[in-house]
Protein backbone atom coordinates (compact mmCIF):
# COMPACT_ATOMS: atom_id res chain seq x y z
CA UNK A 1 -0.25 0.05 -0.15
CA UNK A 2 1.33 3.37 -0.88
CA UNK A 3 1.99 5.49 1.66
CA UNK A 4 -0.72 8.41 2.43
CA UNK A 5 0.49 11.66 0.81
CA UNK A 6 1.58 14.27 3.26
CA UNK A 7 -0.83 17.39 3.59
CA UNK A 8 0.46 20.39 2.40
CA UNK A 9 1.17 23.19 4.81
CA UNK A 10 -1.58 25.55 3.34
CA UNK A 11 -4.50 27.61 4.05
CA UNK A 12 -6.96 24.40 2.98
CA UNK A 13 -5.09 22.30 5.66
CA UNK A 14 -5.92 25.11 8.24
CA UNK A 15 -9.63 25.31 6.75
CA UNK A 16 -9.87 21.54 7.40
CA UNK A 17 -8.62 21.84 11.29
CA UNK A 18 -11.89 24.31 11.78
CA UNK A 19 -14.18 22.26 9.74
CA UNK A 20 -13.17 19.22 11.79
CA UNK A 21 -15.79 19.14 14.65
CA UNK A 22 -18.65 19.89 12.08
CA UNK A 23 -21.29 16.88 11.09
CA UNK A 24 -20.92 15.81 7.54
CA UNK A 25 -24.40 15.13 6.93
CA UNK A 26 -25.05 18.92 5.46
CA UNK A 27 -21.90 18.32 3.11
CA UNK A 28 -23.27 14.53 1.98
CA UNK A 29 -26.75 16.05 1.25
CA UNK A 30 -25.25 19.09 -0.94
CA UNK A 31 -23.19 16.73 -2.86
CA UNK A 32 -25.46 14.40 -3.39
CA UNK A 33 -27.74 16.72 -4.82
CA UNK A 34 -24.62 17.92 -7.02
CA UNK A 35 -24.47 14.45 -8.19
CA UNK A 36 -28.07 13.74 -9.14
CA UNK A 37 -28.04 16.82 -11.07
CA UNK A 38 -24.78 16.01 -12.99
CA UNK A 39 -26.08 12.72 -13.52
CA UNK A 40 -29.24 14.16 -15.06
CA UNK A 41 -27.08 16.38 -17.53
CA UNK A 42 -24.55 13.85 -18.52
CA UNK A 43 -26.09 10.32 -18.62
CA UNK A 44 -23.64 9.28 -20.96
CA UNK A 45 -21.04 9.95 -18.84
CA UNK A 46 -22.20 7.73 -16.06
CA UNK A 47 -23.29 5.07 -18.88
CA UNK A 48 -19.45 4.59 -19.46
CA UNK A 49 -18.91 3.38 -15.77
CA UNK A 50 -22.24 1.37 -15.43
CA UNK A 51 -20.01 -1.93 -15.24
CA UNK A 52 -18.38 -1.01 -11.73
CA UNK A 53 -21.98 -1.69 -10.73
CA UNK A 54 -21.97 -1.31 -6.63
CA UNK A 55 -18.01 -0.90 -6.70
CA UNK A 56 -16.97 2.53 -4.92
CA UNK A 57 -14.18 4.71 -5.30
CA UNK A 58 -12.86 6.39 -1.76
CA UNK A 59 -11.57 10.00 -2.30
CA UNK A 60 -9.55 11.39 0.14
CA UNK A 61 -8.47 15.16 0.20
CA UNK A 62 -5.84 14.67 2.66
CA UNK A 63 -5.52 18.03 3.94
CA UNK A 64 -9.67 17.95 4.84
CA UNK A 65 -11.22 16.02 7.87
CA UNK A 66 -13.49 14.00 5.56
CA UNK A 67 -13.52 11.27 2.61
CA UNK A 68 -16.33 10.92 0.06
CA UNK A 69 -16.95 7.20 -0.99
CA UNK A 70 -18.42 7.47 -4.54
CA UNK A 71 -20.37 4.77 -6.36
CA UNK A 72 -20.30 6.13 -9.97
CA UNK A 73 -21.85 2.90 -11.17
CA UNK A 74 -24.63 2.38 -9.40
CA UNK A 75 -28.17 3.20 -10.64
CA UNK A 76 -28.62 5.61 -9.62
CA UNK A 77 -24.81 6.89 -8.97
CA UNK A 78 -24.50 8.13 -5.03
CA UNK A 79 -21.84 8.94 -2.56
CA UNK A 80 -21.48 9.08 0.91
CA UNK A 81 -19.13 11.59 3.35
CA UNK A 82 -17.17 9.94 5.92
CA UNK A 83 -15.17 11.57 8.61
CA UNK A 84 -11.25 10.94 8.43
CA UNK A 85 -9.40 9.30 5.45
CA UNK A 86 -12.12 6.52 4.84
CA UNK A 87 -10.03 3.43 6.49
CA UNK A 88 -13.09 2.08 8.22
CA UNK A 89 -15.34 2.25 5.16
CA UNK A 90 -13.97 -1.36 4.08
CA UNK A 91 -17.49 -2.55 2.62
CA UNK A 92 -17.78 -2.03 -1.04
CA UNK A 93 -14.79 0.30 -1.36
CA UNK A 94 -12.29 -1.08 -4.11
CA UNK A 95 -10.20 1.13 -4.67
CA UNK A 96 -8.90 4.95 -3.20
CA UNK A 97 -7.67 7.91 -4.38
CA UNK A 98 -5.60 10.17 -1.91
CA UNK A 99 -4.06 13.73 -2.58
CA UNK A 100 -4.60 17.29 -1.63
CA UNK A 101 -8.02 18.82 -2.26
CA UNK A 102 -6.63 21.52 -5.08
CA UNK A 103 -4.71 18.81 -6.62
CA UNK A 104 -7.53 16.55 -6.82
CA UNK A 105 -9.77 19.21 -8.44
CA UNK A 106 -7.16 20.00 -10.90
CA UNK A 107 -6.76 16.49 -11.56
CA UNK A 108 -11.05 16.16 -12.16
CA UNK A 109 -10.63 18.95 -14.73
CA UNK A 110 -8.05 17.13 -16.94
CA UNK A 111 -5.28 19.80 -16.01
CA UNK A 112 -2.92 17.72 -14.14
CA UNK A 113 -1.15 14.13 -15.42
CA UNK A 114 -2.39 11.56 -12.79
CA UNK A 115 0.77 9.15 -13.54
CA UNK A 116 3.19 12.15 -13.19
CA UNK A 117 1.59 12.78 -9.75
CA UNK A 118 1.51 9.27 -8.68
CA UNK A 119 5.10 8.82 -9.48
CA UNK A 120 5.92 12.27 -7.73
CA UNK A 121 4.11 10.96 -4.56
CA UNK A 122 1.81 13.88 -4.70
CA UNK A 123 -1.02 11.14 -5.33
CA UNK A 124 -1.61 7.94 -3.82
CA UNK A 125 -3.72 5.45 -5.69
CA UNK A 126 -4.71 1.78 -3.86
CA UNK A 127 -6.47 -0.95 -4.29
CA UNK A 128 -8.43 -2.03 -7.69
CA UNK A 129 -7.08 0.55 -9.99
CA UNK A 130 -9.49 -0.89 -12.78
CA UNK A 131 -12.27 1.48 -10.57
CA UNK A 132 -9.99 4.45 -11.11
CA UNK A 133 -8.95 3.87 -14.89
CA UNK A 134 -12.88 3.45 -15.85
CA UNK A 135 -13.45 6.57 -14.24
CA UNK A 136 -10.84 8.51 -15.82
CA UNK A 137 -11.25 6.86 -19.27
CA UNK A 138 -15.17 7.71 -19.29
CA UNK A 139 -13.88 11.66 -18.01
CA UNK A 140 -11.18 11.39 -21.02
CA UNK A 141 -13.80 10.24 -23.80
CA UNK A 142 -16.46 12.42 -22.74
CA UNK A 143 -14.38 15.62 -22.79
CA UNK A 144 -15.80 16.42 -19.79
CA UNK A 145 -14.46 19.08 -17.41
CA UNK A 146 -15.86 17.48 -13.99
CA UNK A 147 -15.74 20.99 -11.96
CA UNK A 148 -17.03 23.05 -14.81
CA UNK A 149 -19.89 20.27 -15.18
CA UNK A 150 -20.51 20.29 -11.23
CA UNK A 151 -20.69 24.31 -11.05
CA UNK A 152 -23.03 24.25 -14.01
CA UNK A 153 -25.67 21.78 -12.48
CA UNK A 154 -25.70 24.43 -9.54
CA UNK A 155 -27.32 27.05 -11.91
CA UNK A 156 -28.23 29.77 -11.32
CA UNK A 157 -25.51 29.83 -8.63
CA UNK A 158 -23.28 28.67 -11.25
CA UNK A 159 -21.80 32.50 -11.88
CA UNK A 160 -21.12 33.47 -8.02
CA UNK A 161 -19.62 30.11 -7.08
CA UNK A 162 -17.22 30.56 -10.24
CA UNK A 163 -16.21 33.89 -9.03
CA UNK A 164 -15.95 32.63 -5.17
CA UNK A 165 -13.70 29.92 -6.58
CA UNK A 166 -11.50 31.97 -8.36
CA UNK A 167 -11.30 34.29 -5.38
CA UNK A 168 -10.45 31.38 -3.17
CA UNK A 169 -7.53 30.18 -5.63
CA UNK A 170 -6.07 33.78 -5.60
CA UNK A 171 -6.22 33.98 -1.81
CA UNK A 172 -5.19 30.58 -1.42
CA UNK A 173 -1.74 31.60 -3.56
CA UNK A 174 -1.11 34.36 -1.56
CA UNK A 175 -1.50 32.79 1.95
CA UNK A 176 0.24 29.55 0.71
CA UNK A 177 3.16 31.86 -0.16
CA UNK A 178 3.01 33.64 3.13
CA UNK A 179 2.57 30.20 4.55
CA UNK A 180 5.54 28.80 2.78
CA UNK A 181 8.03 31.87 4.16
CA UNK A 182 6.99 31.05 7.75
CA UNK A 183 7.46 27.31 7.23
CA UNK A 184 11.06 28.29 6.22
CA UNK A 185 11.65 30.51 9.17
CA UNK A 186 10.50 28.10 11.43
CA UNK A 187 12.69 25.21 9.64
CA UNK A 188 15.81 27.06 9.31
CA UNK A 189 17.35 26.79 12.81
CA UNK A 190 16.48 22.73 12.65
CA UNK A 191 17.92 22.87 9.18
CA UNK A 192 21.04 24.51 10.19
CA UNK A 193 21.71 22.27 13.36
CA UNK A 194 21.00 19.07 10.77
CA UNK A 195 23.98 20.41 8.63
CA UNK A 196 26.13 20.84 11.23
CA UNK A 197 25.72 17.22 12.73
CA UNK A 198 25.94 15.57 9.06
CA UNK A 199 29.54 17.77 8.67
CA UNK A 200 30.57 16.15 12.17
CA UNK A 201 29.69 12.99 11.21
CA UNK A 202 31.30 13.04 7.77
CA UNK A 203 34.46 14.64 9.79
CA UNK A 204 34.64 11.75 12.17
CA UNK A 205 34.12 9.12 9.26
CA UNK A 206 37.26 10.84 7.50
CA UNK A 207 39.28 9.86 10.63
CA UNK A 208 41.01 6.24 10.39
CA UNK A 209 40.48 4.09 12.91
CA UNK A 210 43.42 3.10 14.99
CA UNK A 211 44.09 -0.58 15.37
CA UNK A 212 43.65 -1.35 18.96
CA UNK A 213 46.90 -3.64 20.62
CA UNK A 214 45.37 -7.43 21.14
CA UNK A 215 44.95 -8.21 24.29
CA UNK A 216 47.07 -11.20 25.56
CA UNK A 217 45.29 -14.57 26.10
CA UNK A 218 44.04 -15.29 29.47
CA UNK A 219 46.04 -18.36 30.62
CA UNK A 220 44.08 -20.37 32.96
CA UNK A 221 46.05 -21.27 36.36
């Protein structure tokens, strides 16, 4: 099993900490509504993954305190929202995709190479990859930008939601840069001490070991 990606030090992570005490039921209702509208708008997309049946895909945004269990091949398609990383949702879950929220969103839009992300360990894929590949191929074949389709399914709130998403990304970029500076400042003393210790170890390794004189054998009397 590949290691779970480490959440990036970002505003999304802090937002996730704030959301952790909240119940998942309202989010599940909202996402369920989006899924039903998306199914009504793009039935052909879901027809391409109908062969998956009840097999479920776990989508785990590692910087948020919840995961999504999606059954895209069910009739009708459905999802549930679970707390944490979804490790306890083993029934029916055949595969899992784990990564930072913004990475998962860009992946859904087709803006990122999933294979490159996997090898860079920015994304973790576990279990039956047939489920993941089938969904990815369905999106590619339909030429669907999943995020665009999701926002369109929320009309007439589409325009303000697009504006809000653009604003969030802009603010996220600025805050992420600031947090990266803070992180570098906090880790600088540790990095300096680590470098000094490594230099001492290398210096000690360079000193030849002196041969110890052999001890005379002990003669029993």
